[in-house]
N, C-alpha and C. Protein backbone atom coordinates (compact mmCIF):
# COMPACT_ATOMS: atom_id res chain seq x y z
N UNK A 1 14.75 74.10 78.98
CA UNK A 1 15.64 75.11 79.69
C UNK A 1 17.37 74.38 79.85
N UNK A 2 18.10 75.29 79.96
CA UNK A 2 19.99 74.80 80.38
C UNK A 2 19.74 74.76 81.55
N UNK A 3 21.31 74.11 82.09
CA UNK A 3 21.26 74.35 83.32
C UNK A 3 23.27 74.15 83.19
N UNK A 4 23.67 74.67 84.32
CA UNK A 4 25.31 74.84 84.13
C UNK A 4 25.46 74.02 85.25
N UNK A 5 26.58 72.77 85.11
CA UNK A 5 27.01 72.25 86.03
C UNK A 5 28.66 72.37 86.33
N UNK A 6 28.67 72.69 87.61
CA UNK A 6 30.38 72.78 87.99
C UNK A 6 30.86 72.04 88.84
N UNK A 7 31.93 71.99 88.07
CA UNK A 7 32.24 70.13 88.58
C UNK A 7 33.43 70.49 89.36
N UNK A 8 33.27 70.25 90.63
CA UNK A 8 34.67 70.08 92.20
C UNK A 8 35.23 71.06 92.04
N UNK A 9 34.72 72.35 92.28
CA UNK A 9 35.26 73.18 92.55
C UNK A 9 35.95 73.67 93.71
N UNK A 10 36.60 72.93 94.62
CA UNK A 10 36.75 72.13 95.62
C UNK A 10 38.55 72.52 96.25
N UNK A 11 38.58 73.05 97.83
CA UNK A 11 39.86 73.47 98.17
C UNK A 11 40.85 72.86 97.58
N UNK A 12 40.88 71.01 97.97
CA UNK A 12 42.06 70.56 97.33
C UNK A 12 42.32 70.04 95.87
N UNK A 13 41.13 70.58 94.77
CA UNK A 13 41.73 70.51 93.57
C UNK A 13 42.41 71.96 93.29
N UNK A 14 42.65 72.77 94.31
CA UNK A 14 43.14 73.99 93.83
C UNK A 14 44.62 74.48 94.25
N UNK A 15 45.19 75.10 93.64
CA UNK A 15 46.64 74.96 94.37
C UNK A 15 47.04 75.21 95.39
N UNK A 16 48.04 74.24 96.13
CA UNK A 16 47.76 74.17 97.45
C UNK A 16 47.44 73.27 98.02
N UNK A 17 46.53 72.19 97.31
CA UNK A 17 45.22 71.59 97.90
C UNK A 17 46.57 70.16 97.48
N UNK A 18 45.64 68.87 98.43
CA UNK A 18 46.01 67.37 98.26
C UNK A 18 46.42 67.51 97.00
N UNK A 19 45.20 67.60 96.31
CA UNK A 19 45.28 66.77 94.67
C UNK A 19 45.38 68.16 93.80
N UNK A 20 46.19 69.04 94.14
CA UNK A 20 46.20 69.96 93.36
C UNK A 20 46.09 69.92 91.84
N UNK A 21 45.25 70.87 90.97
CA UNK A 21 45.12 70.91 89.56
C UNK A 21 45.79 72.54 89.05
N UNK A 22 46.89 72.07 88.43
CA UNK A 22 47.61 73.17 88.39
C UNK A 22 46.71 74.59 87.55
N UNK A 23 46.40 75.96 88.27
CA UNK A 23 46.45 77.38 87.36
C UNK A 23 44.55 76.30 87.85
N UNK A 24 44.52 75.60 88.74
CA UNK A 24 42.60 75.33 89.24
C UNK A 24 42.03 76.61 89.35
N UNK A 25 42.53 77.18 90.47
CA UNK A 25 41.77 78.36 90.58
C UNK A 25 41.48 79.41 89.56
N UNK A 26 42.12 79.44 88.50
CA UNK A 26 41.56 80.46 87.66
C UNK A 26 40.14 80.11 86.70
N UNK A 27 39.46 79.11 87.16
CA UNK A 27 38.13 78.78 86.86
C UNK A 27 37.15 79.29 87.79
N UNK A 28 37.53 79.56 88.77
CA UNK A 28 36.44 79.97 89.74
C UNK A 28 35.56 81.26 89.04
N UNK A 29 36.64 82.08 88.63
CA UNK A 29 36.14 83.91 88.40
C UNK A 29 34.99 83.36 86.76
N UNK A 30 35.35 82.59 85.85
CA UNK A 30 34.31 81.87 85.04
C UNK A 30 33.29 81.34 85.17
N UNK A 31 33.35 80.56 86.12
CA UNK A 31 31.94 80.42 87.01
C UNK A 31 31.28 81.44 87.90
N UNK A 32 31.90 82.10 88.42
CA UNK A 32 31.29 83.17 88.99
C UNK A 32 30.64 84.02 87.96
N UNK A 33 31.42 84.21 87.18
CA UNK A 33 30.83 85.30 85.33
C UNK A 33 29.30 84.49 84.65
N UNK A 34 29.66 83.21 84.76
CA UNK A 34 28.53 82.66 83.87
C UNK A 34 26.93 82.22 84.80
N UNK A 35 27.36 81.85 86.28
CA UNK A 35 26.21 81.45 86.76
C UNK A 35 24.81 82.45 86.72
N UNK A 36 25.29 83.80 86.84
CA UNK A 36 24.23 84.79 87.06
C UNK A 36 23.08 84.30 85.33
N UNK A 37 24.11 83.27 84.23
CA UNK A 37 23.21 83.57 82.99
C UNK A 37 21.97 82.39 82.66
N UNK A 38 22.14 81.29 83.92
CA UNK A 38 21.55 80.04 83.97
C UNK A 38 20.40 79.93 84.98
N UNK A 39 19.55 80.01 84.43
CA UNK A 39 18.00 79.56 85.44
C UNK A 39 18.34 78.35 86.62
N UNK A 40 19.29 77.70 86.29
CA UNK A 40 19.53 76.34 87.48
C UNK A 40 21.50 76.27 87.12
N UNK A 41 21.82 75.78 88.64
CA UNK A 41 23.18 76.02 88.64
C UNK A 41 23.23 74.70 89.43
N UNK A 42 23.98 73.79 88.78
CA UNK A 42 24.18 72.59 89.62
C UNK A 42 25.90 72.38 90.03
N UNK A 43 26.76 72.03 91.53
CA UNK A 43 27.66 71.63 91.56
C UNK A 43 27.89 70.32 92.24
N UNK A 44 29.08 70.01 91.48
CA UNK A 44 29.22 68.35 92.48
C UNK A 44 30.50 68.48 93.19
N UNK A 45 30.81 67.74 94.25
CA UNK A 45 31.55 67.65 95.32
C UNK A 45 32.03 66.39 95.30
N UNK A 46 33.49 66.02 95.31
CA UNK A 46 33.73 65.23 95.81
C UNK A 46 33.54 64.75 97.23
N UNK A 47 32.76 63.90 97.87
CA UNK A 47 32.68 63.88 99.08
C UNK A 47 32.88 62.18 99.73
N UNK A 48 34.69 61.89 100.26
CA UNK A 48 34.75 60.69 100.06
C UNK A 48 35.13 60.54 101.97
N UNK A 49 34.88 58.84 102.11
CA UNK A 49 35.19 58.96 103.12
C UNK A 49 36.43 58.70 103.63
N UNK A 50 36.91 58.68 104.72
CA UNK A 50 38.48 58.72 104.96
C UNK A 50 38.94 57.61 104.34
N UNK A 51 38.14 56.48 104.57
CA UNK A 51 38.42 55.02 104.05
C UNK A 51 38.50 54.99 102.78
N UNK A 52 38.18 55.85 101.88
CA UNK A 52 37.73 55.61 100.56
C UNK A 52 39.16 54.66 99.77
N UNK A 53 38.41 53.45 98.81
CA UNK A 53 39.39 52.79 98.11
C UNK A 53 40.49 53.25 96.82
N UNK A 54 40.06 54.48 96.60
CA UNK A 54 40.83 55.19 95.62
C UNK A 54 41.85 56.21 96.38
N UNK A 55 42.46 56.54 97.85
CA UNK A 55 43.02 56.47 98.37
C UNK A 55 44.30 55.58 98.09
N UNK A 56 45.80 56.32 97.36
CA UNK A 56 46.83 55.21 97.39
C UNK A 56 47.17 54.82 99.20
N UNK A 57 46.57 55.81 100.32
CA UNK A 57 47.06 55.22 101.10
C UNK A 57 46.35 54.48 101.90
N UNK A 58 45.37 53.91 101.25
CA UNK A 58 44.98 52.72 102.12
C UNK A 58 44.77 51.78 101.31
N UNK A 59 46.12 51.45 100.54
CA UNK A 59 46.48 50.33 99.57
C UNK A 59 47.90 50.08 100.12
N UNK A 60 48.17 49.59 101.18
CA UNK A 60 49.67 49.58 101.48
C UNK A 60 50.50 48.94 100.79
N UNK A 61 51.84 49.71 100.09
CA UNK A 61 52.39 48.77 99.02
C UNK A 61 52.62 49.48 98.15
N UNK A 62 51.29 50.55 97.59
CA UNK A 62 50.85 51.16 96.38
C UNK A 62 51.03 52.96 96.44
N UNK A 63 51.14 53.25 95.38
CA UNK A 63 51.83 54.85 95.13
C UNK A 63 50.49 55.61 94.75
N UNK A 64 50.64 57.02 94.85
CA UNK A 64 49.60 57.54 94.01
C UNK A 64 50.07 57.78 92.34
N UNK A 65 49.35 57.02 91.66
CA UNK A 65 49.64 57.28 90.08
C UNK A 65 49.15 55.79 89.88
N UNK A 66 49.78 54.79 90.97
CA UNK A 66 49.37 53.02 90.68
C UNK A 66 47.96 52.96 90.44
N UNK A 67 47.59 52.10 89.20
CA UNK A 67 46.41 51.63 88.72
C UNK A 67 45.89 50.35 89.48
N UNK A 68 44.70 50.17 90.17
CA UNK A 68 44.25 48.82 90.49
C UNK A 68 43.06 49.04 90.00
N UNK A 69 41.77 48.24 90.88
CA UNK A 69 40.71 47.67 90.18
C UNK A 69 40.01 47.97 90.91
N UNK A 70 38.66 48.45 91.03
CA UNK A 70 37.31 48.39 91.96
C UNK A 70 36.34 48.79 91.31
N UNK A 71 35.09 47.80 91.94
CA UNK A 71 34.22 47.90 91.16
C UNK A 71 34.38 47.17 89.96
N UNK A 72 35.30 46.38 89.34
CA UNK A 72 35.62 46.02 88.39
C UNK A 72 35.76 46.36 87.21
N UNK A 73 36.39 47.91 87.93
CA UNK A 73 36.40 48.41 86.67
C UNK A 73 38.52 49.71 87.05
N UNK A 74 39.13 50.17 86.17
CA UNK A 74 40.43 50.42 86.54
C UNK A 74 40.20 51.56 87.75
N UNK A 75 40.76 51.47 88.51
CA UNK A 75 40.91 53.11 89.51
C UNK A 75 42.40 53.60 89.24
N UNK A 76 42.45 54.67 88.95
CA UNK A 76 44.17 55.53 89.17
C UNK A 76 43.71 56.05 91.32
N UNK A 77 45.08 55.52 92.35
CA UNK A 77 45.04 55.59 93.14
C UNK A 77 45.39 57.18 93.26
N UNK A 78 44.68 57.87 94.19
CA UNK A 78 45.25 59.52 94.79
C UNK A 78 45.72 59.78 95.61
N UNK A 79 45.94 60.66 96.03
CA UNK A 79 46.44 61.57 97.54
C UNK A 79 45.11 61.34 98.06
N UNK A 80 44.87 61.25 99.40
CA UNK A 80 43.54 61.46 99.77
C UNK A 80 43.77 62.91 99.60
N UNK A 81 42.21 63.27 99.25
CA UNK A 81 41.21 64.15 99.14
C UNK A 81 39.98 64.42 99.35
N UNK A 82 39.57 65.25 99.81
CA UNK A 82 38.07 65.97 99.99
C UNK A 82 37.11 64.98 100.84
N UNK A 83 38.32 64.72 101.56
CA UNK A 83 37.67 63.63 102.95
C UNK A 83 36.27 64.92 103.73
N UNK A 84 35.11 64.14 103.55
CA UNK A 84 33.87 64.22 104.14
C UNK A 84 34.15 65.46 105.32
N UNK A 85 33.73 66.57 105.46
CA UNK A 85 33.27 67.58 106.25
C UNK A 85 34.81 68.10 106.54
N UNK A 86 35.47 67.78 105.61
CA UNK A 86 36.94 68.51 106.26
C UNK A 86 37.34 69.80 104.98
N UNK A 87 38.21 71.12 105.24
CA UNK A 87 38.57 72.11 104.59
C UNK A 87 38.47 71.61 103.27
N UNK A 88 39.52 70.68 102.88
CA UNK A 88 39.82 70.17 102.01
C UNK A 88 38.38 69.84 100.22
N UNK A 89 37.51 69.71 101.32
CA UNK A 89 36.08 69.16 100.75
C UNK A 89 35.50 70.52 100.61
N UNK A 90 35.57 71.38 100.82
CA UNK A 90 34.60 72.86 100.58
C UNK A 90 35.25 73.62 99.46
N UNK A 91 34.33 73.96 98.58
CA UNK A 91 34.29 75.26 97.87
C UNK A 91 35.12 75.79 97.96
N UNK A 92 36.27 76.43 96.96
CA UNK A 92 36.95 77.40 97.42
C UNK A 92 36.20 78.83 97.47
N UNK A 93 37.14 79.36 98.31
CA UNK A 93 35.82 80.62 98.87
C UNK A 93 35.59 81.72 97.85
N UNK A 94 36.43 81.86 96.92
CA UNK A 94 36.13 82.59 95.96
C UNK A 94 34.81 82.49 95.32
N UNK A 95 34.39 81.01 95.51
CA UNK A 95 33.38 80.83 94.68
C UNK A 95 31.94 81.30 95.25
N UNK A 96 31.30 82.32 94.12
CA UNK A 96 29.82 82.42 94.59
C UNK A 96 28.99 81.23 95.12
N UNK A 97 28.45 80.62 95.79
CA UNK A 97 27.95 79.54 96.00
C UNK A 97 25.74 80.36 95.81
N UNK A 98 26.10 81.34 96.14
CA UNK A 98 24.26 81.67 95.70
C UNK A 98 24.09 81.48 94.92
N UNK A 99 23.93 81.16 93.68
CA UNK A 99 23.40 81.09 92.59
C UNK A 99 23.25 79.15 92.56
N UNK A 100 23.97 78.30 92.96
CA UNK A 100 23.71 77.31 93.42
C UNK A 100 22.49 76.55 93.40
N UNK A 101 21.88 76.00 92.52
CA UNK A 101 20.59 75.35 93.69
C UNK A 101 20.43 74.00 94.12
N UNK A 102 21.71 73.24 93.50
CA UNK A 102 21.46 71.90 93.96
C UNK A 102 23.02 71.41 94.30
N UNK A 103 23.38 70.37 94.81
CA UNK A 103 24.50 70.10 95.25
C UNK A 103 25.19 68.52 95.37
N UNK A 104 25.63 67.76 93.92
CA UNK A 104 25.86 66.62 93.88
C UNK A 104 27.00 65.86 94.72
N UNK A 105 26.86 65.06 96.01
CA UNK A 105 27.96 64.80 96.49
C UNK A 105 28.17 63.40 95.84
N UNK A 106 29.40 63.45 95.46
CA UNK A 106 29.93 61.61 94.73
C UNK A 106 30.99 61.52 95.39
N UNK A 107 31.03 60.09 95.22
CA UNK A 107 32.10 59.41 95.78
C UNK A 107 32.41 59.20 97.12
N UNK A 108 30.91 58.60 97.38
CA UNK A 108 30.67 58.70 98.56
C UNK A 108 30.61 57.16 99.61
N UNK A 109 30.86 56.44 98.29
CA UNK A 109 30.87 54.85 99.07
C UNK A 109 32.39 54.30 99.03
N UNK A 110 32.66 53.77 100.04
CA UNK A 110 34.25 53.38 100.22
C UNK A 110 34.55 52.91 98.67
N UNK A 111 34.00 51.66 98.19
CA UNK A 111 34.40 50.89 97.75
C UNK A 111 34.03 51.14 96.13
N UNK A 112 33.92 52.45 95.32
CA UNK A 112 34.05 52.69 94.23
C UNK A 112 33.73 54.46 94.35
N UNK A 113 34.53 54.44 93.06
CA UNK A 113 34.60 56.15 92.81
C UNK A 113 33.65 56.78 92.30
N UNK A 114 33.44 57.69 92.17
CA UNK A 114 32.59 58.24 91.07
C UNK A 114 33.31 59.48 90.61
N UNK A 115 33.67 59.64 89.36
CA UNK A 115 33.92 60.49 88.38
C UNK A 115 32.78 62.18 88.25
N UNK A 116 31.83 60.89 87.68
CA UNK A 116 30.51 61.60 87.02
C UNK A 116 29.86 62.20 88.21
N UNK A 117 28.98 63.01 87.28
CA UNK A 117 27.99 63.67 88.17
C UNK A 117 26.71 62.84 88.39
N UNK A 118 26.94 61.92 87.71
CA UNK A 118 25.81 61.26 87.30
C UNK A 118 25.57 59.74 87.75
N UNK A 119 26.90 59.09 87.76
CA UNK A 119 26.82 57.74 88.06
C UNK A 119 28.30 57.21 88.88
N UNK A 120 28.34 56.64 89.53
CA UNK A 120 29.87 55.80 90.16
C UNK A 120 30.62 55.45 89.40
N UNK A 121 31.35 55.15 89.12
CA UNK A 121 32.48 54.86 87.96
C UNK A 121 31.91 53.29 87.20
N UNK A 122 31.43 52.28 87.79
CA UNK A 122 30.95 51.17 87.66
C UNK A 122 29.51 51.01 86.91
N UNK A 123 28.81 52.40 86.93
CA UNK A 123 27.67 52.93 86.27
C UNK A 123 26.48 51.84 86.80
N UNK A 124 26.57 51.56 87.98
CA UNK A 124 25.35 50.20 88.85
C UNK A 124 24.47 51.54 89.48
N UNK A 125 25.46 52.43 89.86
CA UNK A 125 24.36 53.45 90.80
C UNK A 125 24.11 54.64 90.24
N UNK A 126 23.18 55.38 90.45
CA UNK A 126 23.19 56.91 89.99
C UNK A 126 23.37 57.70 91.20
N UNK A 127 23.62 59.25 90.79
CA UNK A 127 23.98 60.08 91.75
C UNK A 127 22.46 60.34 92.24
N UNK A 128 21.17 60.66 91.23
CA UNK A 128 19.95 61.59 91.48
C UNK A 128 20.08 62.37 90.56
N UNK A 129 21.04 62.90 89.80
CA UNK A 129 21.06 64.07 88.90
C UNK A 129 20.49 63.98 88.11
N UNK A 130 20.53 63.07 87.04
CA UNK A 130 19.59 62.80 86.34
C UNK A 130 17.86 63.11 86.77
N UNK A 131 17.75 62.50 87.79
CA UNK A 131 16.16 62.55 87.89
C UNK A 131 15.46 64.21 88.14
N UNK A 132 16.66 64.72 88.62
CA UNK A 132 16.54 66.37 89.43
C UNK A 132 16.39 67.19 87.90
N UNK A 133 17.72 66.82 87.23
CA UNK A 133 17.13 67.35 86.04
C UNK A 133 16.04 67.79 85.05
N UNK A 134 15.42 66.04 84.92
CA UNK A 134 14.29 66.10 84.16
C UNK A 134 13.39 66.29 84.58
N UNK A 135 12.95 66.41 86.13
CA UNK A 135 12.20 66.96 86.83
C UNK A 135 11.69 68.61 86.53
N UNK A 136 12.71 68.97 86.37
CA UNK A 136 12.85 70.32 86.06
C UNK A 136 13.18 70.98 84.36
N UNK A 137 12.72 69.86 83.71
CA UNK A 137 12.75 70.33 82.16
C UNK A 137 13.93 70.32 81.83
N UNK A 138 15.23 70.35 82.36
CA UNK A 138 16.70 70.58 81.89
C UNK A 138 16.55 69.99 80.74
N UNK A 139 17.07 70.31 79.43
CA UNK A 139 17.23 69.53 78.21
C UNK A 139 18.48 69.68 77.63
N UNK A 140 19.42 71.08 78.20
CA UNK A 140 21.31 70.96 77.78
C UNK A 140 21.64 71.34 79.07
N UNK A 141 22.78 71.03 79.04
CA UNK A 141 23.83 71.30 80.31
C UNK A 141 25.14 71.72 79.59
N UNK A 142 25.56 72.58 80.40
CA UNK A 142 27.12 73.08 80.51
C UNK A 142 28.20 72.73 81.46
N UNK A 143 28.78 72.43 81.17
CA UNK A 143 29.56 71.86 81.81
C UNK A 143 31.16 72.26 82.02
N UNK A 144 31.97 72.69 82.94
CA UNK A 144 33.04 73.07 83.50
C UNK A 144 33.87 72.71 84.69
N UNK A 145 34.90 73.08 85.02
CA UNK A 145 35.39 72.43 86.49
C UNK A 145 36.72 71.55 86.37
N UNK A 146 37.14 70.86 87.19
CA UNK A 146 37.79 70.21 87.59
C UNK A 146 37.94 68.22 87.74
N UNK A 147 38.32 67.90 87.30
CA UNK A 147 39.47 68.33 85.97
C UNK A 147 38.98 68.08 84.77
N UNK A 148 39.32 68.22 83.73
CA UNK A 148 39.05 68.14 82.35
C UNK A 148 39.10 66.76 81.99
N UNK A 149 39.83 66.02 82.18
CA UNK A 149 40.70 64.49 81.75
C UNK A 149 40.17 63.65 82.84
N UNK A 150 39.37 64.09 84.00
CA UNK A 150 38.56 63.01 84.90
C UNK A 150 37.30 63.12 84.77
N UNK A 151 37.01 64.28 86.01
CA UNK A 151 35.90 64.35 86.39
C UNK A 151 34.82 65.09 85.67
N UNK A 152 35.66 65.86 84.99
CA UNK A 152 34.05 66.76 83.80
C UNK A 152 34.31 66.15 82.55
N UNK A 153 35.13 65.22 82.01
CA UNK A 153 35.32 63.90 80.82
C UNK A 153 33.91 63.50 81.08
N UNK A 154 34.15 62.68 82.41
CA UNK A 154 32.56 62.08 82.79
C UNK A 154 31.84 62.09 82.57
N UNK A 155 31.21 63.53 83.43
CA UNK A 155 30.12 64.01 83.77
C UNK A 155 29.70 64.40 82.08
N UNK A 156 30.25 65.03 81.19
CA UNK A 156 29.99 65.44 79.72
C UNK A 156 29.40 63.95 79.43
N UNK A 157 30.36 63.13 79.22
CA UNK A 157 30.05 61.60 78.48
C UNK A 157 28.66 61.03 79.18
N UNK A 158 28.96 61.03 80.40
CA UNK A 158 27.33 60.42 80.78
C UNK A 158 26.47 61.55 80.53
N UNK A 159 26.76 62.74 80.19
CA UNK A 159 25.16 63.37 80.06
C UNK A 159 24.79 63.16 78.76
N UNK A 160 25.81 63.24 77.54
CA UNK A 160 25.34 62.57 76.70
C UNK A 160 24.83 61.41 76.07
N UNK A 161 25.28 60.50 77.16
CA UNK A 161 24.64 58.86 76.77
C UNK A 161 23.24 59.13 77.41
N UNK A 162 23.20 60.25 78.08
CA UNK A 162 21.21 60.07 78.33
C UNK A 162 20.82 61.10 77.79
N UNK A 163 21.33 61.69 76.91
CA UNK A 163 20.66 62.15 75.57
C UNK A 163 20.17 63.89 76.30
N UNK A 164 21.19 64.09 77.20
CA UNK A 164 21.13 65.75 77.35
C UNK A 164 22.05 66.48 75.92
N UNK A 165 21.58 67.80 75.61
CA UNK A 165 22.72 68.25 75.38
C UNK A 165 23.51 68.88 75.97
N UNK A 166 24.72 68.65 75.46
CA UNK A 166 26.13 68.81 76.31
C UNK A 166 27.13 69.88 75.86
N UNK A 167 27.52 70.72 76.28
CA UNK A 167 28.31 71.62 76.15
C UNK A 167 29.84 71.91 77.08
N UNK A 168 30.63 71.99 76.68
CA UNK A 168 31.86 72.06 77.65
C UNK A 168 32.38 73.61 77.61
N UNK A 169 33.03 74.44 78.44
CA UNK A 169 33.02 75.09 78.55
C UNK A 169 34.51 75.28 78.95
N UNK A 170 35.39 74.99 77.39
CA UNK A 170 36.67 75.08 77.77
C UNK A 170 37.40 75.67 78.72
N UNK A 171 37.56 77.03 78.36
CA UNK A 171 38.35 77.60 79.30
C UNK A 171 37.62 77.39 81.04
N UNK A 172 36.96 77.12 81.56
CA UNK A 172 36.52 76.90 82.73
C UNK A 172 36.66 75.59 83.12
N UNK A 173 37.74 74.84 82.72
CA UNK A 173 38.54 73.65 83.10
C UNK A 173 40.24 73.40 82.85
N UNK A 174 40.34 72.96 83.89
CA UNK A 174 41.66 72.93 84.02
C UNK A 174 42.21 71.45 84.21
N UNK A 175 43.18 70.80 83.81
CA UNK A 175 43.43 69.23 83.53
C UNK A 175 44.42 68.71 84.62
N UNK A 176 44.14 67.66 84.92
CA UNK A 176 45.03 66.81 85.84
C UNK A 176 46.72 66.50 84.91
N UNK A 177 46.62 66.11 84.11
CA UNK A 177 47.76 66.14 83.25
C UNK A 177 48.78 65.04 83.59
N UNK A 178 47.87 63.48 84.36
CA UNK A 178 48.90 62.84 84.52
C UNK A 178 50.16 62.38 83.88
N UNK A 179 49.45 62.18 82.58
CA UNK A 179 50.24 61.96 81.23
C UNK A 179 49.84 63.47 80.36
N UNK A 180 50.74 63.87 79.63
CA UNK A 180 51.20 65.28 78.86
C UNK A 180 49.94 65.33 77.79
N UNK A 181 49.39 66.13 77.48
CA UNK A 181 48.27 65.84 76.67
C UNK A 181 46.99 65.23 77.08
N UNK A 182 46.87 64.82 78.37
CA UNK A 182 45.24 63.54 78.77
C UNK A 182 44.64 64.83 78.74
N UNK A 183 44.79 66.42 79.00
CA UNK A 183 43.49 67.24 78.82
C UNK A 183 42.97 67.41 77.52
N UNK A 184 43.61 67.43 76.51
CA UNK A 184 43.84 67.58 74.95
C UNK A 184 43.37 66.43 74.52
N UNK A 185 43.57 65.20 74.87
CA UNK A 185 42.82 64.17 74.03
C UNK A 185 41.19 63.72 75.22
N UNK A 186 41.33 64.48 75.71
CA UNK A 186 39.72 64.38 76.71
C UNK A 186 38.88 65.39 76.26
N UNK A 187 39.26 65.97 75.36
CA UNK A 187 38.54 67.23 75.17
C UNK A 187 38.42 66.60 73.58
N UNK A 188 39.05 66.03 72.80
CA UNK A 188 38.97 65.15 71.74
C UNK A 188 37.85 64.37 71.91
N UNK A 189 37.85 63.47 72.55
CA UNK A 189 37.13 62.22 73.38
C UNK A 189 35.84 63.12 73.56
N UNK A 190 35.62 64.04 73.84
CA UNK A 190 34.45 64.45 74.25
C UNK A 190 33.47 64.95 73.13
N UNK A 191 34.26 65.96 72.53
CA UNK A 191 34.22 66.26 71.22
C UNK A 191 33.45 65.32 69.78
N UNK A 192 34.30 64.00 69.98
CA UNK A 192 33.99 62.82 69.53
C UNK A 192 32.38 62.04 70.04
N UNK A 193 31.88 62.57 70.76
CA UNK A 193 30.41 61.92 71.46
C UNK A 193 29.55 62.52 71.35
N UNK A 194 29.78 63.99 70.70
CA UNK A 194 29.19 64.81 70.18
C UNK A 194 28.86 65.77 71.48
N UNK A 195 29.64 66.10 72.35
CA UNK A 195 29.73 67.32 73.21
C UNK A 195 30.57 68.91 72.32
N UNK A 196 29.51 69.76 72.69
CA UNK A 196 29.74 70.96 71.58
C UNK A 196 31.34 71.35 72.73
N UNK A 197 32.02 72.23 72.10
CA UNK A 197 33.10 73.10 72.77
C UNK A 197 33.30 74.20 72.27
N UNK A 198 33.16 75.09 73.60
CA UNK A 198 32.82 76.82 73.52
C UNK A 198 33.98 78.03 74.29
N UNK A 199 33.77 78.61 74.35
CA UNK A 199 34.71 79.36 76.02
C UNK A 199 33.21 80.07 76.17
N UNK A 200 33.75 81.03 77.46
CA UNK A 200 33.03 81.72 78.37
C UNK A 200 32.43 82.61 77.90
N UNK A 201 33.27 82.91 76.22
CA UNK A 201 32.86 84.51 76.07
C UNK A 201 31.80 84.75 75.08
N UNK A 202 31.86 83.16 74.49
CA UNK A 202 30.48 82.88 73.31
C UNK A 202 29.41 83.41 74.32
N UNK A 203 29.42 82.60 75.64
CA UNK A 203 27.93 82.78 76.36
C UNK A 203 27.95 84.51 77.07
N UNK A 204 29.23 84.68 77.44
CA UNK A 204 28.77 86.53 78.03
C UNK A 204 28.84 87.21 76.52
N UNK A 205 28.87 86.91 75.74
CA UNK A 205 28.37 87.65 74.53
C UNK A 205 26.90 87.79 73.47
N UNK A 206 26.64 86.49 74.11
CA UNK A 206 25.55 86.28 73.43
C UNK A 206 24.44 86.08 74.92
N UNK A 207 22.90 87.19 73.95
CA UNK A 207 21.79 87.27 75.21
C UNK A 207 21.47 85.46 75.35
N UNK A 208 21.07 85.77 76.83
CA UNK A 208 20.51 84.89 77.13
C UNK A 208 19.51 84.12 76.53
N UNK A 209 19.43 82.81 76.73
CA UNK A 209 18.00 81.99 75.89
C UNK A 209 17.97 80.91 76.76
N UNK A 210 16.63 81.03 77.88
CA UNK A 210 16.67 80.16 79.01
C UNK A 210 15.80 78.80 78.17
């Protein structure tokens, strides 16, 4: 069986949000179009406590974009975003949530971030998603969402490492681009790791095979 993974389609990553990804809202229509084609749809959300250590505001003297160390791994400092139970952490209002069968809440621990849908950034703790997919016989995952160069990339690479077949829906992703070209570099890294890269048209134009 195959599953669609919708990564972080939350208000704070949309235009006008505290960590807005340019054109991020354009991927919502892609998600809505693809979800009915899959027997299982999983969505991830950043779900940070207010004192999360990935927030620049919790590091006096530091600025957004600075890099520190959390849990023994490098950590970019971000604006406060997706704080638990705030409007910014909610799904975009245009996202059809009816097909979503499971929600992964990540980045819930104060002292470590979690870009990937599968693991915290130090890879010491899992989110439970791998077991959820295995129990349902999922062999292949299709990944899309925000942002290409961070959470989408980490999710796809971890899925490959766990021996899932992985396909990136490229037009269903947008990048942060802290450095110009980060999105394309992330896609190249995913390709090199064995991730297939397609557009949504490939799925919409192909008879469903579950």
